[in-house]
Amino acid sequence: MKQNLLSFLSLGLLLLCGVNLSAQCGDTTGSFCYGNNAVLDDVLYTACPDAGATLNIEFIQGEFEATYDFLYVYSGANQDATDALLAGPIDGDLTGLTYSSANPGECLTFAATSDTGVSCPNQDEAQFAQSCDAIVFGCPDPAADNPTAGANFDDGTCTYAASFKHLVTGTQTITPAGCASGFFSDSGGTIANYESDEDGITILCPEDPANNIITITFEEFNTENNYDGLFIYDADSEDDDALIDSGEDAGFNSVEGAFQGTANVPGTYEAFNDSGCLTFVFKSDGSSTRTGWNAFFQCVARPTCNRPGALATSEVTHESATLTWASNSADVTDHTWDVEYGPA
């Protein structure tokens, strides 16, 4: 049964700064604050779903003092088990962060640590929307070959013909049968976020590299800016010389070339190397996650003339410059190059 905000407050759950609170699951909104000198023993809020349901908490607004005050999210009705930590330490703006029960019927607990400086009410209190979903087991991914109507809990039965998910860790090489097209998404697919601490590699390759190459177009992209980044290589491996540069000067973890956030997002790319492959490396940190990406890939005919790569200039003077490039072809004798120059 759904509860509105009025009935929620009528239960006496007035959310005050520094008070430990709990509530049964219901569609409602609420808020909590944290005080100075908070320790993890100080529970800010605990909520539990009905049996067989998952609890969802989405932050509408809220802020923890950056660098000094931190929020921790635990799976369960307490905060004393390290292995139950879902997320944290989290500081700064909470807006848009969403957390769900790790297992059906499991509670969520929020706790904090803080210094002696800024806290509620000077910081924005954490306001959230709370809801519950009944568990429907099956294949919830609409991009799968066998989606289950109404399913919201993945029981591992999803199958994919020419659509694939990125690995959380490890390396996978995907060669679509019959030069098929399909979708390539982050590890969470189209319905869930990717995970924390990811470090996986996906290599998309054609069956017949002599005649075909892989192309890809990103339709959706959203990662945690500055912390979770996607590297794309025009190669069949993680080759720094073949990195498709995103243009980020600072980049993910100070490494140039990672696509990240929602502003600097990937577009359309083609493989111009002999293997016809594109390689994708995704790295995420240990805290917040986002919806990730969904991209459409195709296996297409190889162009008759490969685009040169690794273009570089040296010995530049007022009258001349030396140009070097990679032919991206095993047989360099079957190519000629036209070089044009003029005002920029």
Protein backbone atom coordinates (compact mmCIF):
# COMPACT_ATOMS: atom_id res chain seq x y z
CA MET A 1 0.00 0.00 0.00
CA LYS A 2 1.39 3.39 -0.93
CA GLN A 3 1.88 6.06 1.74
CA ASN A 4 1.82 9.74 0.96
CA LEU A 5 3.96 12.27 2.77
CA LEU A 6 1.17 13.18 5.22
CA SER A 7 0.65 9.61 6.39
CA PHE A 8 4.41 9.18 6.53
CA LEU A 9 4.76 12.08 8.94
CA SER A 10 1.69 11.01 10.91
CA LEU A 11 3.65 7.95 12.04
CA GLY A 12 5.82 10.28 14.07
CA LEU A 13 8.82 10.00 11.77
CA LEU A 14 9.69 13.67 11.82
CA LEU A 15 13.16 13.76 10.34
CA LEU A 16 15.32 15.94 12.56
CA CYS A 17 19.02 16.66 12.49
CA GLY A 18 21.05 14.04 14.34
CA VAL A 19 18.13 11.70 15.14
CA ASN A 20 18.21 7.98 14.33
CA LEU A 21 15.14 7.03 12.33
CA SER A 22 13.58 4.05 10.62
CA ALA A 23 10.51 3.43 8.50
CA GLN A 24 8.75 0.64 6.66
CA CYS A 25 8.69 0.78 2.91
CA GLY A 26 6.23 3.02 1.13
CA ASP A 27 6.18 5.53 -1.72
CA THR A 28 6.99 8.76 0.08
CA THR A 29 9.55 11.49 0.57
CA GLY A 30 11.69 12.33 3.56
CA SER A 31 14.92 13.95 4.70
CA PHE A 32 17.72 13.70 7.20
CA CYS A 33 20.58 15.82 8.48
CA TYR A 34 23.89 15.07 10.17
CA GLY A 35 25.61 16.80 13.09
CA ASN A 36 29.19 17.65 14.00
CA ASN A 37 31.53 14.90 15.22
CA ALA A 38 29.33 12.19 13.71
CA VAL A 39 30.66 8.62 13.79
CA LEU A 40 29.42 5.57 11.93
CA ASP A 41 27.56 4.41 15.04
CA ASP A 42 25.24 7.39 14.46
CA VAL A 43 22.62 6.01 12.07
CA LEU A 44 20.90 8.76 10.07
CA TYR A 45 18.16 6.67 8.51
CA THR A 46 17.14 3.02 8.08
CA ALA A 47 14.30 1.79 5.89
CA CYS A 48 13.16 -1.76 5.16
CA PRO A 49 10.94 -3.05 2.34
CA ASP A 50 8.19 -5.58 2.61
CA ALA A 51 9.12 -9.23 2.16
CA GLY A 52 10.00 -10.00 -1.46
CA ALA A 53 10.39 -6.33 -2.46
CA THR A 54 13.30 -4.01 -3.11
CA LEU A 55 13.66 -0.59 -1.52
CA ASN A 56 14.74 2.41 -3.62
CA ILE A 57 16.12 5.67 -2.22
CA GLU A 58 16.78 8.51 -4.67
CA PHE A 59 18.26 11.77 -3.37
CA ILE A 60 16.45 14.88 -4.54
CA GLN A 61 18.96 17.22 -2.97
CA GLY A 62 21.54 17.27 -0.20
CA GLU A 63 25.17 18.04 0.46
CA PHE A 64 27.95 16.77 2.69
CA GLU A 65 30.87 19.11 3.30
CA ALA A 66 33.47 18.13 0.71
CA THR A 67 36.64 16.46 2.07
CA TYR A 68 35.47 16.56 5.70
CA ASP A 69 31.99 15.00 6.02
CA PHE A 70 30.98 11.68 4.45
CA LEU A 71 27.87 9.59 3.87
CA TYR A 72 27.94 5.77 3.96
CA VAL A 73 25.25 3.44 2.58
CA TYR A 74 24.88 -0.08 3.99
CA SER A 75 22.87 -3.08 2.88
CA GLY A 76 20.96 -4.27 5.93
CA ALA A 77 19.46 -2.88 9.11
CA ASN A 78 22.78 -1.90 10.70
CA GLN A 79 26.08 -0.32 9.79
CA ASP A 80 28.61 -2.50 11.60
CA ALA A 81 29.44 -4.96 8.82
CA THR A 82 32.18 -3.80 6.45
CA ASP A 83 31.13 -6.29 3.79
CA ALA A 84 27.63 -4.77 3.79
CA LEU A 85 28.92 -1.37 2.60
CA LEU A 86 27.17 -0.47 -0.67
CA ALA A 87 28.68 2.98 -1.18
CA GLY A 88 30.92 5.43 0.63
CA PRO A 89 32.61 7.50 1.65
CA ILE A 90 30.49 10.00 -0.32
CA ASP A 91 30.90 13.77 -0.02
CA GLY A 92 29.68 16.82 -1.89
CA ASP A 93 26.38 16.99 -3.78
CA LEU A 94 24.03 14.01 -3.33
CA THR A 95 21.49 15.05 -5.96
CA GLY A 96 20.54 12.21 -8.30
CA LEU A 97 22.29 9.43 -6.38
CA THR A 98 20.09 6.31 -6.16
CA TYR A 99 20.49 3.22 -4.00
CA SER A 100 18.45 0.01 -3.94
CA SER A 101 18.31 -3.06 -1.73
CA ALA A 102 21.05 -5.50 -2.64
CA ASN A 103 18.63 -8.41 -2.17
CA PRO A 104 14.82 -8.75 -1.97
CA GLY A 105 13.51 -7.78 1.46
CA GLU A 106 16.82 -6.24 2.57
CA CYS A 107 16.99 -2.88 4.34
CA LEU A 108 19.09 0.20 3.54
CA THR A 109 20.97 2.05 6.29
CA PHE A 110 22.59 5.50 6.01
CA ALA A 111 25.32 6.67 8.41
CA ALA A 112 27.86 9.50 8.46
CA THR A 113 31.18 10.74 9.72
CA SER A 114 31.91 14.45 10.13
CA ASP A 115 34.35 16.94 11.61
CA THR A 116 33.62 19.82 13.96
CA GLY A 117 32.94 22.32 11.18
CA VAL A 118 29.99 22.73 8.84
CA SER A 119 27.00 20.41 9.27
CA CYS A 120 23.20 20.61 9.18
CA PRO A 121 21.42 22.94 9.15
CA ASN A 122 24.16 25.02 7.47
CA GLN A 123 24.62 22.31 4.83
CA ASP A 124 21.64 21.33 2.67
CA GLU A 125 19.71 18.53 4.35
CA ALA A 126 19.45 15.31 2.40
CA GLN A 127 15.99 15.04 0.83
CA PHE A 128 15.00 11.80 -0.85
CA ALA A 129 12.19 9.90 -2.55
CA GLN A 130 11.51 6.42 -1.22
CA SER A 131 9.70 3.63 -3.06
CA CYS A 132 9.36 -0.14 -3.22
CA ASP A 133 9.24 -2.55 -6.14
CA ALA A 134 7.72 -6.00 -5.97
CA ILE A 135 10.18 -8.59 -7.18
CA VAL A 136 9.43 -10.14 -10.56
CA PHE A 137 12.12 -12.62 -11.54
CA GLY A 138 13.12 -13.06 -15.18
CA CYS A 139 14.99 -11.17 -17.87
CA PRO A 140 14.36 -7.43 -17.39
CA ASP A 141 16.56 -6.20 -20.26
CA PRO A 142 14.47 -5.12 -23.30
CA ALA A 143 17.57 -5.44 -25.50
CA ALA A 144 17.76 -9.18 -24.78
CA ASP A 145 16.32 -11.87 -27.05
CA ASN A 146 13.98 -13.10 -24.31
CA PRO A 147 12.80 -10.18 -22.12
CA THR A 148 10.28 -11.04 -19.39
CA ALA A 149 7.30 -8.66 -19.20
CA GLY A 150 7.36 -6.78 -15.89
CA ALA A 151 10.61 -8.37 -14.69
CA ASN A 152 12.74 -6.15 -12.43
CA PHE A 153 15.16 -8.72 -10.99
CA ASP A 154 17.68 -10.32 -13.31
CA ASP A 155 17.78 -14.06 -12.59
CA GLY A 156 20.48 -14.66 -15.17
CA THR A 157 18.19 -16.00 -17.90
CA CYS A 158 18.78 -13.16 -20.40
CA THR A 159 20.23 -14.24 -23.71
CA TYR A 160 21.73 -12.06 -26.43
CA ALA A 161 22.35 -12.85 -30.09
CA ALA A 162 24.13 -9.76 -31.37
CA SER A 163 23.82 -7.60 -28.26
CA PHE A 164 26.43 -7.68 -25.52
CA LYS A 165 27.29 -6.23 -22.12
CA HIS A 166 30.71 -5.02 -21.07
CA LEU A 167 32.57 -7.12 -18.49
CA VAL A 168 33.03 -5.83 -14.94
CA THR A 169 36.55 -7.29 -14.95
CA GLY A 170 38.56 -9.42 -17.35
CA THR A 171 38.66 -9.47 -21.14
CA GLN A 172 36.13 -10.66 -23.72
CA THR A 173 36.46 -10.76 -27.51
CA ILE A 174 33.14 -10.61 -29.37
CA THR A 175 32.89 -11.64 -33.01
CA PRO A 176 29.26 -11.29 -34.20
CA ALA A 177 28.29 -14.28 -36.32
CA GLY A 178 27.47 -13.51 -39.93
CA CYS A 179 28.69 -9.92 -39.64
CA ALA A 180 25.61 -9.14 -37.52
CA SER A 181 24.78 -5.75 -36.01
CA GLY A 182 23.66 -5.21 -32.43
CA PHE A 183 23.93 -3.22 -29.22
CA PHE A 184 26.87 -2.90 -26.85
CA SER A 185 26.13 -1.59 -23.34
CA ASP A 186 27.85 -1.17 -20.01
CA SER A 187 27.78 -4.05 -17.51
CA GLY A 188 24.38 -2.97 -16.16
CA GLY A 189 22.68 -3.22 -19.55
CA THR A 190 19.88 -0.82 -20.37
CA ILE A 191 18.13 -0.98 -16.98
CA ALA A 192 20.85 -0.77 -14.33
CA ASN A 193 23.97 1.20 -13.50
CA TYR A 194 27.44 -0.16 -14.09
CA GLU A 195 29.30 -1.31 -10.96
CA SER A 196 32.00 0.22 -8.78
CA ASP A 197 35.65 -0.83 -9.21
CA GLU A 198 35.22 -1.98 -12.80
CA ASP A 199 38.27 -2.69 -14.95
CA GLY A 200 37.04 -4.69 -17.93
CA ILE A 201 37.98 -4.96 -21.59
CA THR A 202 35.69 -5.70 -24.56
CA ILE A 203 37.10 -6.26 -28.06
CA LEU A 204 34.62 -6.14 -30.96
CA CYS A 205 35.93 -7.83 -34.12
CA PRO A 206 34.59 -8.92 -37.53
CA GLU A 207 34.70 -12.57 -38.61
CA ASP A 208 36.40 -11.62 -41.88
CA PRO A 209 38.82 -8.76 -41.14
CA ALA A 210 40.14 -8.78 -44.70
CA ASN A 211 36.76 -7.59 -45.95
CA ASN A 212 34.94 -6.14 -42.93
CA ILE A 213 35.46 -3.71 -40.06
CA ILE A 214 33.49 -2.76 -36.92
CA THR A 215 31.79 0.63 -36.62
CA ILE A 216 29.97 1.89 -33.52
CA THR A 217 27.68 4.80 -32.62
CA PHE A 218 27.03 5.75 -28.99
CA GLU A 219 23.37 6.62 -28.41
CA GLU A 220 23.49 7.14 -24.62
CA PHE A 221 26.42 7.93 -22.34
CA ASN A 222 26.57 8.92 -18.65
CA THR A 223 29.45 8.17 -16.28
CA GLU A 224 30.70 9.84 -13.11
CA ASN A 225 32.81 12.74 -14.34
CA ASN A 226 36.50 12.67 -13.36
CA TYR A 227 36.21 9.21 -11.80
CA ASP A 228 34.67 6.71 -14.26
CA GLY A 229 36.08 6.69 -17.79
CA LEU A 230 35.80 4.79 -21.08
CA PHE A 231 38.88 4.40 -23.29
CA ILE A 232 38.40 3.47 -26.97
CA TYR A 233 41.19 2.03 -29.10
CA ASP A 234 41.35 1.60 -32.89
CA ALA A 235 43.03 -1.77 -32.39
CA ASP A 236 42.47 -5.33 -31.22
CA SER A 237 44.13 -4.62 -27.86
CA GLU A 238 44.74 -1.90 -25.30
CA ASP A 239 47.33 -0.10 -27.42
CA ASP A 240 48.17 3.43 -26.28
CA ASP A 241 49.33 4.37 -29.78
CA ALA A 242 45.84 3.51 -31.10
CA LEU A 243 43.85 5.42 -28.45
CA ILE A 244 40.95 7.43 -29.89
CA ASP A 245 41.55 10.60 -27.90
CA SER A 246 38.51 12.10 -26.21
CA GLY A 247 40.23 15.48 -26.05
CA GLU A 248 40.32 15.51 -22.23
CA ASP A 249 43.52 17.21 -21.12
CA ALA A 250 43.31 16.06 -17.50
CA GLY A 251 41.30 12.96 -18.18
CA PHE A 252 40.25 10.11 -15.98
CA ASN A 253 42.69 9.72 -13.05
CA SER A 254 45.02 12.17 -14.84
CA VAL A 255 45.19 9.90 -17.91
CA GLU A 256 44.38 11.70 -21.13
CA GLY A 257 41.84 10.37 -23.57
CA ALA A 258 39.01 8.92 -21.45
CA PHE A 259 35.38 9.69 -22.28
CA GLN A 260 33.55 10.60 -19.08
CA GLY A 261 30.59 12.46 -17.60
CA THR A 262 27.75 13.71 -19.79
CA ALA A 263 29.46 16.58 -21.62
CA ASN A 264 32.42 14.82 -23.20
CA VAL A 265 30.74 11.77 -24.73
CA PRO A 266 31.79 9.41 -27.54
CA GLY A 267 30.18 9.58 -30.99
CA THR A 268 30.68 7.37 -34.07
CA TYR A 269 33.92 5.46 -34.73
CA GLU A 270 35.28 3.04 -37.32
CA ALA A 271 38.10 0.53 -37.12
CA PHE A 272 40.87 1.40 -39.59
CA ASN A 273 43.40 -1.22 -38.51
CA ASP A 274 44.13 -4.59 -40.15
CA SER A 275 42.14 -6.54 -37.53
CA GLY A 276 39.00 -4.46 -38.12
CA CYS A 277 38.49 -4.43 -34.33
CA LEU A 278 37.68 -1.76 -31.76
CA THR A 279 38.73 -2.18 -28.13
CA PHE A 280 36.87 -0.70 -25.14
CA VAL A 281 38.35 -0.35 -21.64
CA PHE A 282 36.16 0.94 -18.82
CA LYS A 283 37.44 1.89 -15.37
CA SER A 284 35.31 3.05 -12.42
CA ASP A 285 36.24 4.02 -8.88
CA GLY A 286 34.86 2.58 -5.66
CA SER A 287 31.89 4.86 -5.05
CA SER A 288 29.13 6.40 -7.16
CA THR A 289 27.95 4.86 -10.43
CA ARG A 290 25.78 6.08 -13.31
CA THR A 291 23.64 4.65 -16.11
CA GLY A 292 26.66 4.06 -18.37
CA TRP A 293 26.18 3.71 -22.11
CA ASN A 294 24.30 2.06 -24.93
CA ALA A 295 25.84 1.91 -28.40
CA PHE A 296 24.85 0.42 -31.77
CA PHE A 297 27.60 -1.47 -33.59
CA GLN A 298 27.75 -2.72 -37.16
CA CYS A 299 29.97 -4.99 -39.19
CA VAL A 300 30.47 -3.23 -42.54
CA ALA A 301 32.55 -3.60 -45.69
CA ARG A 302 36.15 -2.53 -45.29
CA PRO A 303 36.95 0.69 -47.22
CA THR A 304 39.24 0.30 -50.21
CA CYS A 305 41.68 2.82 -48.72
CA ASN A 306 42.35 2.81 -44.99
CA ARG A 307 42.53 6.12 -43.20
CA PRO A 308 46.09 6.86 -42.00
CA GLY A 309 46.70 7.00 -38.28
CA ALA A 310 49.20 8.43 -35.79
CA LEU A 311 49.69 11.59 -37.85
CA ALA A 312 52.54 13.67 -36.42
CA THR A 313 54.60 16.70 -37.42
CA SER A 314 58.21 17.52 -36.63
CA GLU A 315 61.00 19.83 -37.78
CA VAL A 316 58.54 22.62 -38.42
CA THR A 317 60.01 25.80 -39.92
CA HIS A 318 58.64 28.80 -41.80
CA GLU A 319 59.13 26.95 -45.06
CA SER A 320 58.72 23.22 -44.36
CA ALA A 321 57.59 20.48 -41.98
CA THR A 322 58.10 16.73 -41.72
CA LEU A 323 54.95 14.59 -41.65
CA THR A 324 54.79 10.99 -40.48
CA TRP A 325 51.84 8.61 -40.28
CA ALA A 326 50.87 4.96 -40.01
CA SER A 327 49.39 3.42 -43.16
CA ASN A 328 47.05 1.09 -41.19
CA SER A 329 47.53 -1.50 -43.91
CA ALA A 330 49.64 -4.65 -43.98
CA ASP A 331 50.56 -3.97 -47.62
CA VAL A 332 51.86 -0.41 -47.85
CA THR A 333 52.68 -0.85 -51.54
CA ASP A 334 49.01 -0.72 -52.55
CA HIS A 335 48.56 2.83 -51.21
CA THR A 336 49.48 6.25 -52.47
CA TRP A 337 48.98 9.42 -50.46
CA ASP A 338 47.85 12.91 -51.43
CA VAL A 339 49.13 15.65 -49.11
CA GLU A 340 47.49 19.05 -49.36
CA TYR A 341 48.68 22.18 -47.62
CA GLY A 342 47.53 25.75 -47.34
CA PRO A 343 46.21 28.33 -44.87
CA ALA A 344 44.45 26.87 -41.84
